[in-house]
PDB file of N, CA and C in Angstrom:
ATOM      1  N   UNK A   1       8.971   9.027  -8.212  1.00  0.00           N
ATOM      2  CA  UNK A   1       8.503   7.710  -8.030  1.00  0.00           C
ATOM      3  C   UNK A   1       8.566   7.540  -6.175  1.00  0.00           C
ATOM      4  N   UNK A   2       9.723   8.344  -5.583  1.00  0.00           N
ATOM      5  CA  UNK A   2       9.417   8.292  -3.791  1.00  0.00           C
ATOM      6  C   UNK A   2       8.440   8.844  -3.186  1.00  0.00           C
ATOM      7  N   UNK A   3       7.990  10.087  -3.817  1.00  0.00           N
ATOM      8  CA  UNK A   3       6.859  10.529  -2.997  1.00  0.00           C
ATOM      9  C   UNK A   3       5.492   9.386  -3.053  1.00  0.00           C
ATOM     10  N   UNK A   4       5.293   9.303  -4.324  1.00  0.00           N
ATOM     11  CA  UNK A   4       4.232   7.881  -4.656  1.00  0.00           C
ATOM     12  C   UNK A   4       4.302   6.809  -3.506  1.00  0.00           C
ATOM     13  N   UNK A   5       5.945   6.297  -3.178  1.00  0.00           N
ATOM     14  CA  UNK A   5       5.758   5.213  -2.221  1.00  0.00           C
ATOM     15  C   UNK A   5       5.573   5.631  -0.951  1.00  0.00           C
ATOM     16  N   UNK A   6       5.957   6.933  -0.601  1.00  0.00           N
ATOM     17  CA  UNK A   6       6.116   7.535   0.576  1.00  0.00           C
ATOM     18  C   UNK A   6       4.508   7.990   0.997  1.00  0.00           C
ATOM     19  N   UNK A   7       3.616   8.290   0.211  1.00  0.00           N
ATOM     20  CA  UNK A   7       2.198   8.801   0.570  1.00  0.00           C
ATOM     21  C   UNK A   7       1.368   7.757   1.134  1.00  0.00           C
ATOM     22  N   UNK A   8       1.857   6.279   0.568  1.00  0.00           N
ATOM     23  CA  UNK A   8       1.170   5.062   1.002  1.00  0.00           C
ATOM     24  C   UNK A   8       1.583   5.122   2.425  1.00  0.00           C
ATOM     25  N   UNK A   9       2.483   5.340   3.055  1.00  0.00           N
ATOM     26  CA  UNK A   9       2.799   5.212   4.674  1.00  0.00           C
ATOM     27  C   UNK A   9       2.384   6.493   5.419  1.00  0.00           C
ATOM     28  N   UNK A  10       1.691   7.650   4.838  1.00  0.00           N
ATOM     29  CA  UNK A  10       1.215   8.526   5.423  1.00  0.00           C
ATOM     30  C   UNK A  10       0.456   8.256   6.427  1.00  0.00           C
ATOM     31  N   UNK A  11       0.265   8.927   7.747  1.00  0.00           N
ATOM     32  CA  UNK A  11      -0.742   8.474   9.013  1.00  0.00           C
ATOM     33  C   UNK A  11      -2.046   8.861   8.597  1.00  0.00           C
ATOM     34  N   UNK A  12      -2.111   9.772   7.594  1.00  0.00           N
ATOM     35  CA  UNK A  12      -3.655  10.373   7.295  1.00  0.00           C
ATOM     36  C   UNK A  12      -4.294  10.018   6.406  1.00  0.00           C
ATOM     37  N   UNK A  13      -3.420   9.288   5.444  1.00  0.00           N
ATOM     38  CA  UNK A  13      -3.632   9.078   4.101  1.00  0.00           C
ATOM     39  C   UNK A  13      -2.707   9.679   3.028  1.00  0.00           C
ATOM     40  N   UNK A  14      -2.873   9.182   2.061  1.00  0.00           N
ATOM     41  CA  UNK A  14      -1.765   9.989   0.787  1.00  0.00           C
ATOM     42  C   UNK A  14      -1.915  11.213   0.281  1.00  0.00           C
ATOM     43  N   UNK A  15      -3.331  11.987   0.815  1.00  0.00           N
ATOM     44  CA  UNK A  15      -3.603  13.232   0.026  1.00  0.00           C
ATOM     45  C   UNK A  15      -2.442  14.168   0.067  1.00  0.00           C
ATOM     46  N   UNK A  16      -2.217  14.568   1.400  1.00  0.00           N
ATOM     47  CA  UNK A  16      -1.204  15.358   1.664  1.00  0.00           C
ATOM     48  C   UNK A  16      -0.164  15.585   1.398  1.00  0.00           C
ATOM     49  N   UNK A  17       0.560  14.147   1.369  1.00  0.00           N
ATOM     50  CA  UNK A  17       1.412  14.018   0.547  1.00  0.00           C
ATOM     51  C   UNK A  17       1.727  14.135  -0.938  1.00  0.00           C
ATOM     52  N   UNK A  18       0.904  13.547  -1.516  1.00  0.00           N
ATOM     53  CA  UNK A  18       1.029  14.044  -3.117  1.00  0.00           C
ATOM     54  C   UNK A  18       0.675  15.140  -3.327  1.00  0.00           C
ATOM     55  N   UNK A  19      -0.344  16.193  -2.177  1.00  0.00           N
ATOM     56  CA  UNK A  19      -0.389  17.302  -2.667  1.00  0.00           C
ATOM     57  C   UNK A  19       0.860  18.298  -2.755  1.00  0.00           C
ATOM     58  N   UNK A  20       2.089  18.003  -1.558  1.00  0.00           N
ATOM     59  CA  UNK A  20       3.093  18.400  -1.210  1.00  0.00           C
ATOM     60  C   UNK A  20       4.338  18.359  -2.337  1.00  0.00           C
ATOM     61  N   UNK A  21       4.196  16.906  -2.642  1.00  0.00           N
ATOM     62  CA  UNK A  21       5.299  16.190  -2.962  1.00  0.00           C
ATOM     63  C   UNK A  21       5.168  16.148  -4.560  1.00  0.00           C
ATOM     64  N   UNK A  22       4.272  16.221  -5.053  1.00  0.00           N
ATOM     65  CA  UNK A  22       3.542  15.319  -6.156  1.00  0.00           C
ATOM     66  C   UNK A  22       2.419  16.328  -6.955  1.00  0.00           C
ATOM     67  N   UNK A  23       2.705  17.480  -7.250  1.00  0.00           N
ATOM     68  CA  UNK A  23       1.423  18.277  -7.407  1.00  0.00           C
ATOM     69  C   UNK A  23       0.849  18.021  -8.786  1.00  0.00           C
ATOM     70  N   UNK A  24       0.921  17.232  -9.522  1.00  0.00           N
ATOM     71  CA  UNK A  24       0.436  16.923 -10.843  1.00  0.00           C
ATOM     72  C   UNK A  24      -0.620  15.762 -10.480  1.00  0.00           C
ATOM     73  N   UNK A  25      -0.342  15.250  -9.439  1.00  0.00           N
ATOM     74  CA  UNK A  25      -0.609  13.784  -9.032  1.00  0.00           C
ATOM     75  C   UNK A  25      -1.991  13.934  -7.962  1.00  0.00           C
ATOM     76  N   UNK A  26      -3.180  13.644  -8.718  1.00  0.00           N
ATOM     77  CA  UNK A  26      -4.252  13.406  -8.140  1.00  0.00           C
ATOM     78  C   UNK A  26      -5.025  12.298  -7.200  1.00  0.00           C
ATOM     79  N   UNK A  27      -4.804  12.351  -6.158  1.00  0.00           N
ATOM     80  CA  UNK A  27      -5.443  11.247  -5.331  1.00  0.00           C
ATOM     81  C   UNK A  27      -6.924  10.831  -5.962  1.00  0.00           C
ATOM     82  N   UNK A  28      -7.301   9.862  -5.555  1.00  0.00           N
ATOM     83  CA  UNK A  28      -8.563   9.254  -6.230  1.00  0.00           C
ATOM     84  C   UNK A  28      -9.277   8.184  -5.094  1.00  0.00           C
ATOM     85  N   UNK A  29      -8.785   7.257  -4.902  1.00  0.00           N
ATOM     86  CA  UNK A  29      -9.258   6.689  -3.788  1.00  0.00           C
ATOM     87  C   UNK A  29      -8.338   5.721  -2.799  1.00  0.00           C
ATOM     88  N   UNK A  30      -8.496   5.321  -1.809  1.00  0.00           N
ATOM     89  CA  UNK A  30      -7.764   3.802  -1.013  1.00  0.00           C
ATOM     90  C   UNK A  30      -8.675   3.276  -0.380  1.00  0.00           C
ATOM     91  N   UNK A  31      -7.971   2.039   0.129  1.00  0.00           N
ATOM     92  CA  UNK A  31      -8.366   0.804   0.587  1.00  0.00           C
ATOM     93  C   UNK A  31      -7.593   0.339   1.465  1.00  0.00           C
ATOM     94  N   UNK A  32      -8.308   0.071   2.749  1.00  0.00           N
ATOM     95  CA  UNK A  32      -7.592  -0.610   3.825  1.00  0.00           C
ATOM     96  C   UNK A  32      -8.235  -1.722   4.172  1.00  0.00           C
ATOM     97  N   UNK A  33      -8.216  -3.092   3.941  1.00  0.00           N
ATOM     98  CA  UNK A  33      -8.749  -4.066   4.459  1.00  0.00           C
ATOM     99  C   UNK A  33      -7.746  -5.060   5.278  1.00  0.00           C
ATOM    100  N   UNK A  34      -8.440  -6.018   5.769  1.00  0.00           N
ATOM    101  CA  UNK A  34      -7.794  -6.888   6.539  1.00  0.00           C
ATOM    102  C   UNK A  34      -7.484  -8.126   5.998  1.00  0.00           C
ATOM    103  N   UNK A  35      -5.967  -8.638   5.811  1.00  0.00           N
ATOM    104  CA  UNK A  35      -5.576  -9.396   4.862  1.00  0.00           C
ATOM    105  C   UNK A  35      -5.653 -10.423   5.007  1.00  0.00           C
ATOM    106  N   UNK A  36      -5.403 -11.122   6.355  1.00  0.00           N
ATOM    107  CA  UNK A  36      -5.589 -12.828   7.003  1.00  0.00           C
ATOM    108  C   UNK A  36      -6.885 -12.160   7.749  1.00  0.00           C
ATOM    109  N   UNK A  37      -8.008 -12.829   7.405  1.00  0.00           N
ATOM    110  CA  UNK A  37      -9.080 -12.815   8.344  1.00  0.00           C
ATOM    111  C   UNK A  37      -9.077 -13.962   9.834  1.00  0.00           C
ATOM    112  N   UNK A  38      -8.311 -14.944   9.237  1.00  0.00           N
ATOM    113  CA  UNK A  38      -8.525 -15.925  10.301  1.00  0.00           C
ATOM    114  C   UNK A  38      -6.862 -15.857  11.270  1.00  0.00           C
ATOM    115  N   UNK A  39      -6.140 -14.706  11.199  1.00  0.00           N
ATOM    116  CA  UNK A  39      -5.024 -14.624  12.149  1.00  0.00           C
ATOM    117  C   UNK A  39      -5.209 -13.658  12.723  1.00  0.00           C
ATOM    118  N   UNK A  40      -3.800 -12.784  13.146  1.00  0.00           N
ATOM    119  CA  UNK A  40      -4.056 -11.775  14.008  1.00  0.00           C
ATOM    120  C   UNK A  40      -4.192 -10.422  13.014  1.00  0.00           C
ATOM    121  N   UNK A  41      -4.637  -9.574  13.638  1.00  0.00           N
ATOM    122  CA  UNK A  41      -5.308  -8.274  12.530  1.00  0.00           C
ATOM    123  C   UNK A  41      -4.117  -7.777  11.966  1.00  0.00           C
ATOM    124  N   UNK A  42      -4.113  -8.032  10.543  1.00  0.00           N
ATOM    125  CA  UNK A  42      -3.338  -7.631   9.772  1.00  0.00           C
ATOM    126  C   UNK A  42      -3.772  -6.998   8.512  1.00  0.00           C
ATOM    127  N   UNK A  43      -3.292  -5.650   8.256  1.00  0.00           N
ATOM    128  CA  UNK A  43      -4.102  -4.717   7.022  1.00  0.00           C
ATOM    129  C   UNK A  43      -2.941  -4.581   5.592  1.00  0.00           C
ATOM    130  N   UNK A  44      -3.851  -4.687   5.101  1.00  0.00           N
ATOM    131  CA  UNK A  44      -3.331  -4.567   3.730  1.00  0.00           C
ATOM    132  C   UNK A  44      -3.998  -3.040   3.117  1.00  0.00           C
ATOM    133  N   UNK A  45      -3.340  -2.484   2.499  1.00  0.00           N
ATOM    134  CA  UNK A  45      -3.345  -0.800   2.130  1.00  0.00           C
ATOM    135  C   UNK A  45      -3.040  -0.670   0.872  1.00  0.00           C
ATOM    136  N   UNK A  46      -3.891   0.354   0.113  1.00  0.00           N
ATOM    137  CA  UNK A  46      -3.648   0.589  -1.264  1.00  0.00           C
ATOM    138  C   UNK A  46      -4.179   1.883  -1.641  1.00  0.00           C
ATOM    139  N   UNK A  47      -3.761   2.363  -2.795  1.00  0.00           N
ATOM    140  CA  UNK A  47      -4.408   3.904  -3.062  1.00  0.00           C
ATOM    141  C   UNK A  47      -4.174   3.674  -4.810  1.00  0.00           C
ATOM    142  N   UNK A  48      -5.106   4.713  -5.161  1.00  0.00           N
ATOM    143  CA  UNK A  48      -5.260   5.048  -6.585  1.00  0.00           C
ATOM    144  C   UNK A  48      -5.288   6.304  -6.865  1.00  0.00           C
ATOM    145  N   UNK A  49      -4.366   7.045  -7.916  1.00  0.00           N
ATOM    146  CA  UNK A  49      -4.688   8.059  -7.969  1.00  0.00           C
ATOM    147  C   UNK A  49      -3.664   8.411  -9.742  1.00  0.00           C
ATOM    148  N   UNK A  50      -4.119   9.556  -9.946  1.00  0.00           N
ATOM    149  CA  UNK A  50      -3.762  10.199 -11.226  1.00  0.00           C
ATOM    150  C   UNK A  50      -2.738  10.972 -11.734  1.00  0.00           C
ATOM    151  N   UNK A  51      -1.992  11.154 -12.483  1.00  0.00           N
ATOM    152  CA  UNK A  51      -1.002  11.910 -12.915  1.00  0.00           C
ATOM    153  C   UNK A  51      -1.411  12.967 -14.069  1.00  0.00           C
ATOM    154  N   UNK A  52      -1.736  13.920 -14.227  1.00  0.00           N
ATOM    155  CA  UNK A  52      -2.502  14.546 -14.851  1.00  0.00           C
ATOM    156  C   UNK A  52      -1.541  14.872 -16.219  1.00  0.00           C
ATOM    157  N   UNK A  53       0.149  15.422 -15.762  1.00  0.00           N
ATOM    158  CA  UNK A  53       1.251  15.522 -16.586  1.00  0.00           C
ATOM    159  C   UNK A  53       1.847  14.480 -17.364  1.00  0.00           C
ATOM    160  N   UNK A  54       1.579  13.285 -16.975  1.00  0.00           N
ATOM    161  CA  UNK A  54       2.117  12.245 -17.686  1.00  0.00           C
ATOM    162  C   UNK A  54       1.245  11.142 -17.999  1.00  0.00           C
ATOM    163  N   UNK A  55      -0.099  11.655 -17.894  1.00  0.00           N
ATOM    164  CA  UNK A  55      -1.500  10.877 -18.295  1.00  0.00           C
ATOM    165  C   UNK A  55      -1.254   9.196 -17.668  1.00  0.00           C
ATOM    166  N   UNK A  56      -1.311   9.524 -16.679  1.00  0.00           N
ATOM    167  CA  UNK A  56      -0.882   7.739 -16.073  1.00  0.00           C
ATOM    168  C   UNK A  56      -1.843   7.673 -14.912  1.00  0.00           C
ATOM    169  N   UNK A  57      -2.350   6.441 -14.924  1.00  0.00           N
ATOM    170  CA  UNK A  57      -2.919   5.776 -13.561  1.00  0.00           C
ATOM    171  C   UNK A  57      -2.063   5.110 -12.420  1.00  0.00           C
ATOM    172  N   UNK A  58      -2.371   5.557 -11.481  1.00  0.00           N
ATOM    173  CA  UNK A  58      -0.928   5.040 -10.261  1.00  0.00           C
ATOM    174  C   UNK A  58      -1.768   4.542  -9.416  1.00  0.00           C
ATOM    175  N   UNK A  59      -1.477   2.452  -9.342  1.00  0.00           N
ATOM    176  CA  UNK A  59      -2.077   1.721  -8.375  1.00  0.00           C
ATOM    177  C   UNK A  59      -0.823   1.675  -7.620  1.00  0.00           C
ATOM    178  N   UNK A  60      -0.810   2.075  -6.015  1.00  0.00           N
ATOM    179  CA  UNK A  60       0.090   2.257  -5.032  1.00  0.00           C
ATOM    180  C   UNK A  60      -0.371   0.936  -4.029  1.00  0.00           C
ATOM    181  N   UNK A  61       0.614  -0.141  -3.576  1.00  0.00           N
ATOM    182  CA  UNK A  61       0.336  -0.998  -2.611  1.00  0.00           C
ATOM    183  C   UNK A  61       1.678  -0.778  -1.317  1.00  0.00           C
ATOM    184  N   UNK A  62       0.853  -0.450  -0.172  1.00  0.00           N
ATOM    185  CA  UNK A  62       1.961  -0.270   1.058  1.00  0.00           C
ATOM    186  C   UNK A  62       2.401  -1.177   1.548  1.00  0.00           C
ATOM    187  N   UNK A  63       3.759  -1.660   1.475  1.00  0.00           N
ATOM    188  CA  UNK A  63       4.160  -2.781   1.987  1.00  0.00           C
ATOM    189  C   UNK A  63       4.184  -3.326   3.252  1.00  0.00           C
ATOM    190  N   UNK A  64       4.943  -4.114   4.053  1.00  0.00           N
ATOM    191  CA  UNK A  64       4.656  -4.571   5.296  1.00  0.00           C
ATOM    192  C   UNK A  64       4.910  -3.433   6.312  1.00  0.00           C
ATOM    193  N   UNK A  65       4.416  -3.455   7.578  1.00  0.00           N
ATOM    194  CA  UNK A  65       4.622  -2.291   8.639  1.00  0.00           C
ATOM    195  C   UNK A  65       4.751  -2.345   9.825  1.00  0.00           C
ATOM    196  N   UNK A  66       4.904  -4.162  10.250  1.00  0.00           N
ATOM    197  CA  UNK A  66       5.291  -4.350  11.595  1.00  0.00           C
ATOM    198  C   UNK A  66       6.156  -5.562  11.373  1.00  0.00           C
ATOM    199  N   UNK A  67       6.794  -6.167  12.585  1.00  0.00           N
ATOM    200  CA  UNK A  67       7.320  -7.421  12.821  1.00  0.00           C
ATOM    201  C   UNK A  67       6.489  -8.490  12.458  1.00  0.00           C
ATOM    202  N   UNK A  68       5.229  -8.567  12.974  1.00  0.00           N
ATOM    203  CA  UNK A  68       4.124  -9.400  13.243  1.00  0.00           C
ATOM    204  C   UNK A  68       3.715  -9.821  11.615  1.00  0.00           C
ATOM    205  N   UNK A  69       3.482  -8.893  10.833  1.00  0.00           N
ATOM    206  CA  UNK A  69       3.275  -8.865   9.332  1.00  0.00           C
ATOM    207  C   UNK A  69       4.234  -9.632   8.688  1.00  0.00           C
ATOM    208  N   UNK A  70       5.596  -9.361   8.927  1.00  0.00           N
ATOM    209  CA  UNK A  70       6.362  -9.757   7.867  1.00  0.00           C
ATOM    210  C   UNK A  70       6.671 -11.641   8.602  1.00  0.00           C
ATOM    211  N   UNK A  71       6.354 -11.600   9.742  1.00  0.00           N
ATOM    212  CA  UNK A  71       6.584 -13.285  10.008  1.00  0.00           C
ATOM    213  C   UNK A  71       5.464 -14.063   9.242  1.00  0.00           C
ATOM    214  N   UNK A  72       4.200 -13.480   9.255  1.00  0.00           N
ATOM    215  CA  UNK A  72       3.147 -14.228   8.718  1.00  0.00           C
ATOM    216  C   UNK A  72       3.255 -13.941   7.293  1.00  0.00           C
ATOM    217  N   UNK A  73       4.093 -13.023   6.748  1.00  0.00           N
ATOM    218  CA  UNK A  73       4.086 -13.296   5.444  1.00  0.00           C
ATOM    219  C   UNK A  73       5.249 -14.243   5.022  1.00  0.00           C
ATOM    220  N   UNK A  74       6.364 -14.551   5.256  1.00  0.00           N
ATOM    221  CA  UNK A  74       6.898 -15.413   5.644  1.00  0.00           C
ATOM    222  C   UNK A  74       6.711 -17.048   5.449  1.00  0.00           C
ATOM    223  N   UNK A  75       5.910 -17.077   7.062  1.00  0.00           N
ATOM    224  CA  UNK A  75       5.169 -18.322   6.980  1.00  0.00           C
ATOM    225  C   UNK A  75       4.209 -18.642   5.865  1.00  0.00           C
ATOM    226  N   UNK A  76       3.386 -17.546   5.135  1.00  0.00           N
ATOM    227  CA  UNK A  76       2.542 -18.091   4.099  1.00  0.00           C
ATOM    228  C   UNK A  76       3.337 -18.274   2.893  1.00  0.00           C
ATOM    229  N   UNK A  77       4.601 -17.432   2.746  1.00  0.00           N
ATOM    230  CA  UNK A  77       5.516 -18.084   1.537  1.00  0.00           C
ATOM    231  C   UNK A  77       5.696 -19.391   1.639  1.00  0.00           C
ATOM    232  N   UNK A  78       6.110 -19.963   2.994  1.00  0.00           N
ATOM    233  CA  UNK A  78       6.584 -21.051   2.802  1.00  0.00           C
ATOM    234  C   UNK A  78       5.525 -22.188   2.952  1.00  0.00           C
ATOM    235  N   UNK A  79       4.368 -21.851   3.218  1.00  0.00           N
ATOM    236  CA  UNK A  79       3.043 -22.879   3.302  1.00  0.00           C
ATOM    237  C   UNK A  79       2.796 -23.153   1.756  1.00  0.00           C
ATOM    238  N   UNK A  80       2.919 -21.998   0.832  1.00  0.00           N
ATOM    239  CA  UNK A  80       2.338 -21.860  -0.235  1.00  0.00           C
ATOM    240  C   UNK A  80       3.610 -22.783  -1.209  1.00  0.00           C
ATOM    241  N   UNK A  81       4.646 -22.511  -1.435  1.00  0.00           N
ATOM    242  CA  UNK A  81       5.723 -23.018  -1.770  1.00  0.00           C
ATOM    243  C   UNK A  81       5.966 -24.752  -1.421  1.00  0.00           C
ATOM    244  N   UNK A  82       5.536 -24.797  -0.271  1.00  0.00           N
ATOM    245  CA  UNK A  82       6.205 -26.239   0.373  1.00  0.00           C
ATOM    246  C   UNK A  82       4.693 -27.178  -0.067  1.00  0.00           C
ATOM    247  N   UNK A  83       3.489 -26.629  -0.380  1.00  0.00           N
ATOM    248  CA  UNK A  83       2.723 -27.650  -0.994  1.00  0.00           C
ATOM    249  C   UNK A  83       2.578 -27.836  -2.104  1.00  0.00           C
ATOM    250  N   UNK A  84       3.261 -27.139  -3.239  1.00  0.00           N
ATOM    251  CA  UNK A  84       3.602 -27.121  -4.740  1.00  0.00           C
ATOM    252  C   UNK A  84       4.016 -28.592  -4.785  1.00  0.00           C
TER     253      UNK A  84
END
């Protein structure tokens, strides 16, 4: 499980990490998009892969990477919970 998580943080993408740490996992596609268009530039990242030995599809999301992103996520959480 750890190589699948770590691959999401690899600077050049998950391909090399998966190839070195999870030989049966084939990288398929990734996406890097702006999370909050109206706020500071914060990106969300995910990738998909397939494990041929376990016959499973992998969908992995990268977590928070900066302090600013953490603060924005906390603010959004409280905005949503206080509105309801």
